[in-house]
Protein backbone atom coordinates (compact mmCIF):
# COMPACT_ATOMS: atom_id res chain seq x y z
CA MET A 1 89.92 -19.19 31.09
CA ALA A 2 87.76 -22.10 29.95
CA ASP A 3 89.10 -24.27 32.79
CA ILE A 4 88.26 -21.72 35.48
CA ALA A 5 84.82 -21.15 33.92
CA ARG A 6 84.07 -24.87 34.09
CA SER A 7 85.40 -25.15 37.66
CA PHE A 8 83.54 -22.07 38.86
CA ILE A 9 80.19 -23.14 37.41
CA SER A 10 80.63 -26.70 38.66
CA GLU A 11 81.56 -25.57 42.18
CA LEU A 12 78.61 -23.20 42.62
CA SER A 13 75.98 -25.19 40.73
CA GLY A 14 73.06 -26.01 43.00
CA LEU A 15 74.11 -23.71 45.84
CA TRP A 16 70.99 -21.59 45.52
CA GLY A 17 68.70 -24.33 44.25
CA GLU A 18 68.08 -26.83 41.50
CA GLY A 19 67.90 -25.35 38.02
CA TYR A 20 69.64 -22.08 38.82
CA TRP A 21 72.44 -20.96 36.52
CA VAL A 22 75.74 -19.69 37.87
CA THR A 23 76.62 -16.32 36.39
CA TRP A 24 79.80 -16.42 34.38
CA HIS A 25 81.79 -14.20 34.34
CA PRO A 26 80.80 -13.28 37.96
CA SER A 27 81.33 -9.60 37.18
CA THR A 28 78.39 -9.84 34.74
CA ARG A 29 75.20 -8.19 35.95
CA HIS A 30 71.89 -9.60 34.77
CA SER A 31 68.43 -8.08 35.23
CA LEU A 32 65.04 -9.70 35.65
CA GLY A 33 63.40 -9.81 32.23
CA ASP A 34 66.65 -9.82 30.27
CA ILE A 35 66.33 -11.54 26.89
CA GLY A 36 69.37 -13.33 25.54
CA THR A 37 70.87 -16.30 23.78
CA VAL A 38 73.05 -19.00 25.27
CA SER A 39 76.72 -19.31 24.36
CA ALA A 40 79.36 -21.46 26.08
CA GLY A 41 77.26 -21.97 29.21
CA SER A 42 76.49 -18.27 29.66
CA LEU A 43 73.61 -15.97 28.80
CA VAL A 44 74.42 -13.24 26.29
CA PRO A 45 71.86 -10.41 26.77
CA ILE A 46 70.46 -8.88 23.58
CA SER A 47 67.28 -7.13 24.75
CA THR A 48 64.69 -6.96 27.55
CA LEU A 49 61.00 -7.69 27.95
CA GLU A 50 60.41 -3.97 28.46
CA GLU A 51 62.15 -3.09 25.20
CA ASN A 52 59.84 -5.56 23.46
CA GLY A 53 56.70 -4.08 25.01
CA ILE A 54 56.06 -7.01 27.38
CA THR A 55 55.05 -6.05 30.91
CA SER A 56 55.52 -8.48 33.81
CA LEU A 57 55.46 -7.63 37.49
CA ALA A 58 58.32 -8.80 39.71
CA LEU A 59 57.91 -10.73 42.95
CA THR A 60 60.51 -11.13 45.69
CA PRO A 61 59.91 -14.55 47.23
CA GLU A 62 63.09 -15.24 49.20
CA THR A 63 65.97 -13.53 50.97
CA ARG A 64 69.07 -14.84 52.72
CA ASP A 65 71.62 -13.06 54.83
CA GLU A 66 74.67 -14.79 53.40
CA LEU A 67 76.06 -17.60 51.30
CA SER A 68 79.67 -18.75 51.17
CA TRP A 69 81.56 -21.63 49.58
CA ARG A 70 85.10 -22.85 49.15
CA THR A 71 86.45 -25.83 47.25
CA LYS A 72 86.56 -28.67 49.76
CA GLY A 73 90.07 -29.39 51.01
CA GLN A 74 91.63 -26.92 48.55
CA VAL A 75 91.27 -23.52 50.24
CA ASP A 76 92.66 -22.43 53.64
CA VAL A 77 91.68 -19.17 55.31
CA THR A 78 93.60 -17.56 58.17
CA PHE A 79 91.94 -14.61 59.91
CA LYS A 80 93.78 -11.74 61.55
CA ALA A 81 92.51 -9.34 64.21
CA VAL A 82 93.92 -5.89 64.89
CA GLY A 83 97.17 -6.21 66.83
CA ASN A 84 97.50 -9.93 66.08
CA THR A 85 100.48 -11.01 63.96
CA ALA A 86 98.86 -14.40 63.23
CA GLY A 87 102.16 -16.19 63.51
CA GLY A 88 103.89 -14.02 60.94
CA VAL A 89 102.01 -15.49 57.95
CA PHE A 90 100.93 -12.05 56.73
CA SER A 91 103.36 -9.97 54.69
CA ALA A 92 101.16 -7.12 53.45
CA LEU A 93 99.00 -6.40 56.52
CA ALA A 94 100.35 -4.24 59.34
CA ASP A 95 99.80 -5.21 62.98
CA ALA A 96 97.13 -2.52 63.21
CA GLN A 97 95.14 -4.04 60.35
CA ALA A 98 92.55 -6.81 60.44
CA GLY A 99 92.05 -9.12 57.50
CA ALA A 100 92.47 -12.62 56.12
CA LEU A 101 94.93 -14.74 54.19
CA VAL A 102 93.43 -17.08 51.59
CA GLU A 103 95.66 -19.91 50.33
CA PHE A 104 94.70 -22.09 47.37
CA LYS A 105 96.02 -25.65 47.33
CA GLY A 106 94.71 -26.73 43.93
CA ASP A 107 94.31 -25.48 40.38
CA ASN A 108 91.18 -23.38 39.80
CA SER A 109 90.00 -23.78 43.39
CA VAL A 110 87.32 -21.29 44.39
CA LEU A 111 86.21 -19.18 47.34
CA VAL A 112 83.03 -17.09 47.22
CA SER A 113 81.22 -15.03 49.82
CA TYR A 114 77.94 -13.19 49.25
CA ARG A 115 75.96 -11.01 51.67
CA GLY A 116 72.49 -9.49 51.42
CA LEU A 117 70.93 -11.96 49.01
CA THR A 118 67.50 -11.44 47.46
CA GLU A 119 65.70 -13.48 44.82
CA SER A 120 63.13 -11.90 42.51
CA ARG A 121 60.99 -13.59 39.85
CA LEU A 122 58.57 -12.71 37.10
CA ALA A 123 55.01 -12.81 38.36
CA SER A 124 52.84 -14.06 35.48
CA GLN A 125 54.03 -16.96 33.38
CA PRO A 126 50.66 -17.30 31.53
CA VAL A 127 51.03 -13.76 30.18
CA LEU A 128 54.67 -14.36 29.26
CA ALA A 129 53.88 -17.69 27.57
CA ALA A 130 51.13 -16.13 25.45
CA GLU A 131 53.34 -13.20 24.43
CA MET A 132 56.30 -15.39 23.53
CA VAL A 133 54.35 -17.89 21.44
CA SER A 134 52.40 -15.10 19.69
CA ARG A 135 55.62 -13.37 18.72
CA TYR A 136 57.18 -16.68 17.66
CA TRP A 137 54.19 -17.19 15.37
CA ALA A 138 54.68 -13.71 13.91
CA GLY A 139 58.38 -14.39 13.35
CA THR A 140 59.62 -11.77 15.81
CA TRP A 141 60.68 -14.15 18.61
CA PRO A 142 63.46 -16.59 17.58
CA LYS A 143 63.26 -19.97 19.28
CA GLU A 144 66.79 -19.43 20.66
CA TRP A 145 65.69 -16.48 22.82
CA CYS A 146 65.58 -17.01 26.57
CA VAL A 147 64.23 -14.81 29.38
CA VAL A 148 65.69 -14.31 32.87
CA SER A 149 62.69 -15.35 34.98
CA HIS A 150 64.37 -15.66 38.41
CA LEU A 151 67.28 -13.53 39.60
CA VAL A 152 69.40 -13.62 42.75
CA THR A 153 71.09 -10.35 43.70
CA ALA A 154 73.83 -9.93 46.32
CA GLU A 155 74.42 -6.55 47.96
CA HIS A 156 78.10 -7.43 48.43
CA GLY A 157 80.34 -10.22 47.21
CA THR A 158 83.91 -11.47 47.08
CA VAL A 159 84.89 -14.04 44.44
CA LEU A 160 88.40 -15.52 44.33
CA ALA A 161 89.95 -18.36 42.34
CA GLY A 162 93.50 -19.64 42.47
CA GLY A 163 95.07 -20.36 39.13
CA GLU A 164 97.42 -22.98 40.52
CA LYS A 165 98.54 -24.58 43.75
CA GLY A 166 100.20 -21.98 45.97
CA SER A 167 98.09 -19.02 44.84
CA THR A 168 97.44 -16.61 47.70
CA VAL A 169 95.67 -13.37 48.50
CA GLU A 170 95.75 -11.13 51.57
CA LEU A 171 92.53 -9.24 52.20
CA ALA A 172 92.57 -6.17 54.43
CA ALA A 173 89.49 -5.03 56.31
CA GLN A 174 88.74 -1.38 55.69
CA ALA A 175 89.65 0.66 58.76
CA THR A 176 87.18 1.65 61.49
CA VAL A 177 84.27 -0.43 60.23
CA GLY A 178 83.46 -2.87 63.01
CA PRO A 179 84.90 -6.19 64.17
CA ALA A 180 87.61 -8.12 62.40
CA PRO A 181 86.55 -10.88 59.96
CA ALA A 182 86.15 -14.25 61.66
CA ALA A 183 84.28 -16.32 59.03
CA ILE A 184 84.20 -16.64 55.24
CA ALA A 185 80.90 -14.76 55.15
CA ASP A 186 82.70 -11.73 56.60
CA LEU A 187 84.93 -11.54 53.52
CA ALA A 188 82.03 -10.30 51.38
CA VAL A 189 81.89 -6.82 52.86
CA ARG A 190 84.37 -3.97 53.38
CA MET A 191 87.45 -5.85 52.21
CA LYS A 192 90.21 -4.85 49.81
CA VAL A 193 93.10 -6.78 48.28
CA ALA A 194 96.41 -5.97 49.94
CA ARG A 195 98.47 -8.57 48.06
CA SER A 196 97.78 -11.42 45.67
CA LYS A 197 99.76 -14.03 43.78
CA GLY A 198 98.68 -16.48 41.10
CA LEU A 199 94.97 -15.68 41.10
CA THR A 200 92.95 -16.18 37.92
CA LEU A 201 89.87 -14.49 39.35
CA GLU A 202 89.76 -11.61 41.82
CA LEU A 203 86.48 -9.75 42.27
CA LEU A 204 85.21 -7.66 45.18
CA GLY A 205 81.97 -6.00 44.20
CA GLU A 206 78.47 -4.77 44.96
CA ALA A 207 75.03 -5.41 43.42
CA MET A 208 76.19 -8.71 41.97
CA THR A 209 73.85 -11.27 40.37
CA PRO A 210 75.38 -14.67 41.15
CA PHE A 211 72.44 -16.93 40.18
CA PHE A 212 69.48 -16.89 37.80
CA ARG A 213 67.02 -19.10 35.90
CA ILE A 214 65.96 -18.74 32.29
CA LEU A 215 62.76 -19.65 30.47
CA ARG A 216 62.40 -20.44 26.79
CA LEU A 217 59.72 -21.84 24.50
CA ARG A 218 59.48 -25.58 25.06
CA ARG A 219 61.15 -27.45 22.22
CA LYS A 220 58.54 -30.23 22.17
CA PHE A 221 55.79 -27.62 21.91
CA LEU A 222 57.51 -25.87 19.01
CA ASN A 223 58.09 -29.17 17.24
CA GLY A 224 54.35 -29.81 17.41
CA ILE A 225 53.53 -26.41 15.89
CA GLU A 226 56.12 -26.79 13.15
CA ALA A 227 54.89 -30.28 12.28
CA VAL A 228 51.47 -28.83 11.49
CA TYR A 229 52.20 -25.29 10.29
CA GLY A 230 55.87 -25.27 9.30
CA ALA A 231 58.91 -23.65 10.81
CA SER A 232 59.10 -20.06 12.03
CA PRO A 233 58.77 -17.46 10.65
CA LEU A 234 55.27 -18.67 9.82
CA ARG A 235 54.34 -16.90 6.59
CA ILE A 236 50.94 -16.50 4.97
CA GLY A 237 50.33 -19.12 2.35
CA SER A 238 50.33 -22.89 2.07
CA GLY A 239 47.25 -22.99 4.30
CA ARG A 240 48.94 -21.32 7.24
CA PRO A 241 46.81 -18.69 9.00
CA SER A 242 48.30 -15.23 9.47
CA GLU A 243 46.98 -15.04 13.02
CA ILE A 244 47.98 -17.53 15.70
CA PRO A 245 45.23 -20.16 16.19
CA GLN A 246 43.20 -19.53 19.32
CA ASP A 247 43.67 -23.07 20.64
CA ILE A 248 47.45 -22.53 20.73
CA LEU A 249 47.02 -19.19 22.48
CA GLU A 250 44.57 -20.61 25.01
CA GLU A 251 46.91 -23.47 25.79
CA ALA A 252 49.67 -20.95 26.54
CA ARG A 253 47.39 -18.98 28.85
CA SER A 254 45.80 -21.90 30.66
CA ASP A 255 48.83 -24.17 30.99
CA PRO A 256 52.08 -22.23 30.49
CA ASP A 257 54.14 -25.25 31.57
CA THR A 258 53.26 -26.92 28.26
CA VAL A 259 54.61 -23.90 26.37
CA LEU A 260 57.61 -22.84 28.48
CA GLU A 261 60.54 -24.74 29.93
CA PHE A 262 63.51 -23.88 32.11
CA ALA A 263 66.77 -24.30 30.22
CA SER A 264 69.64 -26.10 31.93
CA GLN A 265 73.12 -24.60 32.05
CA ALA A 266 75.47 -26.28 29.62
CA ASP A 267 79.15 -27.08 30.03
CA PRO A 268 81.01 -23.84 29.10
CA ILE A 269 83.36 -25.89 26.93
CA GLY A 270 80.57 -27.90 25.35
CA GLU A 271 77.82 -26.75 23.05
CA GLN A 272 78.00 -23.11 22.09
CA SER A 273 74.26 -22.57 22.04
CA ALA A 274 71.12 -24.06 23.53
């Protein structure tokens, strides 16, 4: 599974934009404001901003109709219309069915298709920065915690990966629901698996969250605090104030970029935590 995780993340990295994580496993659903820790290139949710009493409005800055991708030179797709035998390459679809045959020519090659994409983001980073650093000071926000600040949701999606050369899947279009599929983007909606062989990943779903970004307290910023006041949790004594110094709090409010940073997605086989 580690090989397909690495291939999947590598294939889809950058498709939505720079700095966006690829959700692994793709059946995982994230939510805006999720709090979690990083393990093996994935976010492990442990709480939410709401559960911690932090309020942040959500904005929806961008939408896209569709996004599709297949490993270059490693995935062939043959489409079938109703009444078309498509040269006899289909074994599970009847003549009266429309659908597609996906053939994988390489190990861990990937095909994805998403429809109805919307990106949402947290509205106020100054508020979030001040809350996070205040709680870090109080010892209730571990430095390893990250927050989902941007989230891409797909209304429909199909995610397929061939485990080895020669893996195949026949997808059947659900009956009486419009024209036959003619492009990879059409495979995201109203499809079902009629036959598959050798697949390591087979997911046809709704309300998926394929991409996201996460914020955390900037490591350089924390190193500066700890050099002066000691490591978290910051306890009373040794000259350390019980309340967070106002200059630190004002810096978080006025320039959140000095306090927060976007974490980069790690190799799923590399470091186990960020």
